[in-house]
N, C-alpha and C. Protein backbone atom coordinates (compact mmCIF):
# COMPACT_ATOMS: atom_id res chain seq x y z
N MET A 1 16.71 22.54 13.44
CA MET A 1 15.31 22.28 13.22
C MET A 1 14.70 24.00 13.07
N GLY A 2 14.14 24.23 11.97
CA GLY A 2 13.52 25.30 11.75
C GLY A 2 12.54 25.99 12.65
N LEU A 3 12.38 26.94 12.62
CA LEU A 3 11.17 27.44 13.48
C LEU A 3 9.80 27.21 12.92
N THR A 4 9.39 26.52 12.15
CA THR A 4 8.20 26.28 11.44
C THR A 4 8.33 24.69 11.66
N GLU A 5 9.26 24.05 12.02
CA GLU A 5 9.51 22.72 12.28
C GLU A 5 9.27 22.02 13.54
N LYS A 6 8.07 21.08 13.61
CA LYS A 6 7.84 20.36 14.44
C LYS A 6 8.85 19.50 15.22
N PRO A 7 8.86 18.82 16.32
CA PRO A 7 9.97 18.12 16.86
C PRO A 7 9.63 16.64 16.69
N VAL A 8 10.42 15.45 15.98
CA VAL A 8 10.12 14.39 15.86
C VAL A 8 9.86 13.31 16.85
N PRO A 9 8.92 13.11 17.36
CA PRO A 9 9.06 11.99 18.61
C PRO A 9 10.03 10.81 18.38
N PRO A 10 10.59 10.18 19.52
CA PRO A 10 11.43 9.35 19.48
C PRO A 10 11.11 8.28 18.86
N GLY A 11 12.15 7.58 17.95
CA GLY A 11 11.60 6.18 17.37
C GLY A 11 10.48 6.73 16.06
N ARG A 12 10.07 7.86 15.72
CA ARG A 12 9.56 8.03 14.62
C ARG A 12 10.61 8.39 13.72
N GLU A 13 10.41 8.31 12.42
CA GLU A 13 11.19 8.77 11.15
C GLU A 13 10.41 9.73 10.36
N VAL A 14 10.85 11.02 10.00
CA VAL A 14 9.74 11.70 8.73
C VAL A 14 10.03 11.94 7.50
N TRP A 15 9.16 11.43 6.77
CA TRP A 15 9.83 11.44 5.45
C TRP A 15 8.81 12.46 4.41
N LYS A 16 9.35 13.07 3.63
CA LYS A 16 8.94 14.22 3.33
C LYS A 16 9.21 13.88 1.44
N MET A 17 8.42 14.17 0.93
CA MET A 17 8.42 14.35 -0.56
C MET A 17 9.94 14.45 -1.39
N SER A 18 10.52 15.15 -0.82
CA SER A 18 12.20 15.53 -1.23
C SER A 18 12.82 14.51 -0.44
N ASN A 19 12.75 13.57 0.41
CA ASN A 19 13.45 12.45 0.68
C ASN A 19 13.39 11.28 -0.23
N ILE A 20 12.58 11.42 -1.37
CA ILE A 20 12.03 10.07 -2.05
C ILE A 20 13.00 10.34 -3.12
N SER A 21 13.82 9.40 -3.69
CA SER A 21 14.37 9.83 -4.88
C SER A 21 13.36 8.88 -6.19
N GLU A 22 13.43 9.60 -7.36
CA GLU A 22 13.01 9.65 -8.48
C GLU A 22 13.10 8.14 -8.75
N LEU A 23 13.87 7.17 -8.47
CA LEU A 23 13.87 5.81 -8.37
C LEU A 23 12.94 5.26 -7.60
N ASP A 24 12.82 6.06 -6.19
CA ASP A 24 12.00 5.84 -5.32
C ASP A 24 10.82 5.86 -5.79
N LEU A 25 10.44 6.76 -6.12
CA LEU A 25 8.94 7.13 -6.70
C LEU A 25 8.40 6.04 -7.46
N GLN A 26 9.36 5.37 -8.68
CA GLN A 26 8.75 4.88 -9.68
C GLN A 26 8.38 3.39 -9.46
N ASN A 27 9.77 3.35 -8.29
CA ASN A 27 9.12 2.04 -7.79
C ASN A 27 8.12 1.75 -6.78
N LEU A 28 7.58 2.79 -5.70
CA LEU A 28 6.22 2.92 -5.45
C LEU A 28 5.34 2.93 -6.13
N ARG A 29 5.34 3.54 -7.48
CA ARG A 29 4.31 3.68 -8.49
C ARG A 29 3.96 2.18 -8.70
N HIS A 30 5.31 1.37 -9.28
CA HIS A 30 4.94 -0.15 -9.67
C HIS A 30 4.46 -0.87 -8.66
N LEU A 31 4.94 -0.61 -7.27
CA LEU A 31 4.19 -1.49 -6.35
C LEU A 31 2.84 -1.03 -6.13
N ILE A 32 2.17 -0.41 -6.09
CA ILE A 32 1.11 0.23 -5.85
C ILE A 32 0.46 -0.17 -6.72
N GLY A 33 0.32 0.00 -8.10
CA GLY A 33 0.20 -0.45 -9.43
C GLY A 33 -0.22 -2.20 -9.36
N GLY A 34 0.95 -2.75 -8.88
CA GLY A 34 0.79 -4.56 -8.77
C GLY A 34 -0.54 -4.38 -7.36
N PHE A 35 -0.08 -4.21 -6.40
CA PHE A 35 -1.12 -4.09 -5.23
C PHE A 35 -2.62 -3.77 -5.79
N ASP A 36 -2.53 -3.04 -6.44
CA ASP A 36 -4.07 -3.00 -7.11
C ASP A 36 -4.65 -3.84 -8.39
N THR A 37 -3.65 -4.20 -9.05
CA THR A 37 -4.16 -5.31 -10.08
C THR A 37 -4.50 -6.49 -8.67
N THR A 38 -3.54 -7.02 -8.26
CA THR A 38 -3.87 -8.27 -7.38
C THR A 38 -4.98 -8.32 -6.41
N HIS A 39 -5.78 -6.94 -6.16
CA HIS A 39 -6.70 -6.78 -5.35
C HIS A 39 -7.83 -6.62 -6.20
N CYS A 40 -7.59 -6.43 -7.32
CA CYS A 40 -8.87 -6.75 -8.44
C CYS A 40 -9.20 -8.15 -8.57
N LYS A 41 -7.94 -8.89 -9.22
CA LYS A 41 -8.14 -10.12 -9.00
C LYS A 41 -8.54 -11.01 -8.21
N MET A 42 -7.92 -10.66 -7.12
CA MET A 42 -8.46 -11.72 -5.84
C MET A 42 -10.04 -10.87 -5.53
N GLN A 43 -10.55 -10.38 -5.99
CA GLN A 43 -12.01 -9.85 -5.97
C GLN A 43 -12.56 -10.34 -7.09
N ALA A 44 -11.69 -10.51 -7.86
CA ALA A 44 -12.92 -11.27 -8.94
C ALA A 44 -13.10 -12.82 -8.65
N TYR A 45 -11.32 -13.43 -8.34
CA TYR A 45 -11.88 -15.03 -8.25
C TYR A 45 -12.51 -15.34 -6.74
N ALA A 46 -12.72 -14.51 -5.86
CA ALA A 46 -13.53 -15.00 -4.83
C ALA A 46 -15.14 -14.45 -5.20
N LYS A 47 -15.31 -13.76 -5.92
CA LYS A 47 -16.89 -13.71 -7.04
C LYS A 47 -17.09 -14.96 -7.12
N GLU A 48 -15.95 -15.33 -7.80
CA GLU A 48 -16.35 -16.50 -8.74
C GLU A 48 -16.64 -17.89 -8.23
N ALA A 49 -15.83 -17.74 -6.92
CA ALA A 49 -15.52 -19.15 -6.00
C ALA A 49 -16.73 -19.90 -5.87
N GLU A 50 -17.18 -20.90 -5.55
CA GLU A 50 -18.03 -21.27 -4.87
C GLU A 50 -17.77 -21.99 -3.86
N ASP A 51 -16.88 -22.86 -3.33
CA ASP A 51 -16.25 -23.25 -2.04
C ASP A 51 -15.97 -22.04 -0.93
N PRO A 52 -16.85 -22.20 0.21
CA PRO A 52 -16.35 -20.96 1.03
C PRO A 52 -15.19 -20.88 1.55
N GLN A 53 -14.33 -22.04 1.53
CA GLN A 53 -13.01 -21.61 2.27
C GLN A 53 -12.14 -21.02 1.09
N VAL A 54 -12.48 -21.45 -0.25
CA VAL A 54 -11.48 -20.71 -1.25
C VAL A 54 -12.09 -19.26 -1.34
N ARG A 55 -13.40 -19.07 -0.93
CA ARG A 55 -14.20 -17.75 -1.31
C ARG A 55 -13.10 -16.80 -0.23
N GLN A 56 -13.12 -17.06 0.98
CA GLN A 56 -12.30 -16.29 2.00
C GLN A 56 -10.78 -16.32 1.97
N PHE A 57 -10.36 -17.23 1.25
CA PHE A 57 -8.91 -16.98 0.72
C PHE A 57 -9.10 -15.88 0.09
N PHE A 58 -9.57 -15.73 -1.00
CA PHE A 58 -9.26 -14.92 -1.88
C PHE A 58 -9.67 -13.46 -1.50
N GLU A 59 -10.58 -13.39 -0.71
CA GLU A 59 -11.42 -12.18 -0.19
C GLU A 59 -10.14 -11.87 0.75
N LYS A 60 -9.22 -12.54 1.48
CA LYS A 60 -8.51 -12.47 3.00
C LYS A 60 -7.56 -11.30 1.94
N GLY A 61 -7.03 -12.14 0.85
CA GLY A 61 -5.78 -11.52 -0.01
C GLY A 61 -6.28 -10.48 -0.92
N ALA A 62 -7.34 -10.02 -1.32
CA ALA A 62 -7.85 -8.71 -1.37
C ALA A 62 -7.57 -8.11 -0.96
N ARG A 63 -8.13 -7.80 0.44
CA ARG A 63 -7.99 -7.09 1.70
C ARG A 63 -6.45 -6.78 1.96
N SER A 64 -5.62 -7.77 1.60
CA SER A 64 -4.37 -7.80 2.21
C SER A 64 -3.70 -6.76 1.15
N ALA A 65 -3.98 -7.20 0.03
CA ALA A 65 -3.02 -6.15 -1.25
C ALA A 65 -3.62 -4.83 -1.05
N MET A 66 -5.34 -4.60 -0.61
CA MET A 66 -5.53 -3.32 -0.30
C MET A 66 -5.05 -2.72 0.41
N ASP A 67 -4.56 -3.53 1.87
CA ASP A 67 -4.25 -2.50 2.68
C ASP A 67 -2.56 -2.39 2.38
N ASN A 68 -1.57 -2.97 1.61
CA ASN A 68 -0.39 -2.66 1.23
C ASN A 68 -0.18 -1.46 0.08
N LYS A 69 -1.30 -1.54 -0.28
CA LYS A 69 -1.50 -0.55 -1.39
C LYS A 69 -1.84 0.69 -0.91
N GLU A 70 -2.54 0.95 0.45
CA GLU A 70 -2.96 2.26 0.97
C GLU A 70 -1.64 2.35 2.34
N GLN A 71 -0.99 1.54 2.43
CA GLN A 71 0.11 1.69 3.44
C GLN A 71 1.65 2.36 2.26
N LEU A 72 1.73 2.31 1.20
CA LEU A 72 2.45 2.60 0.29
C LEU A 72 1.93 3.79 -0.24
N MET A 73 0.81 3.94 -0.12
CA MET A 73 0.30 5.20 -0.67
C MET A 73 0.62 6.59 0.22
N LYS A 74 0.74 6.16 1.54
CA LYS A 74 1.14 7.13 2.52
C LYS A 74 2.82 8.14 2.37
N PHE A 75 3.13 6.92 1.72
CA PHE A 75 4.88 7.89 1.44
C PHE A 75 4.35 8.85 0.49
N LEU A 76 3.36 9.17 -0.44
CA LEU A 76 2.97 9.94 -1.32
C LEU A 76 2.01 11.28 -0.96
N ASN A 77 1.96 11.09 0.43
CA ASN A 77 1.08 12.17 0.85
C ASN A 77 2.08 13.05 1.78
């Protein structure tokens, strides 16, 4: 460990951009794009749904897709 690096707490893994291969970056981009598309579609379906349960189902799906997208985006920071 260099002088400028902080110790890693037990049970925590540190990811740096240099640890992610080009293939992993391509896969992340593909997954993030898919979750973004899913989020948009689920929101559109929820907006058009007349049944409250169906609307709620699609809203929950949209939130889940956005949460997954944001989680994957953390690997790029």
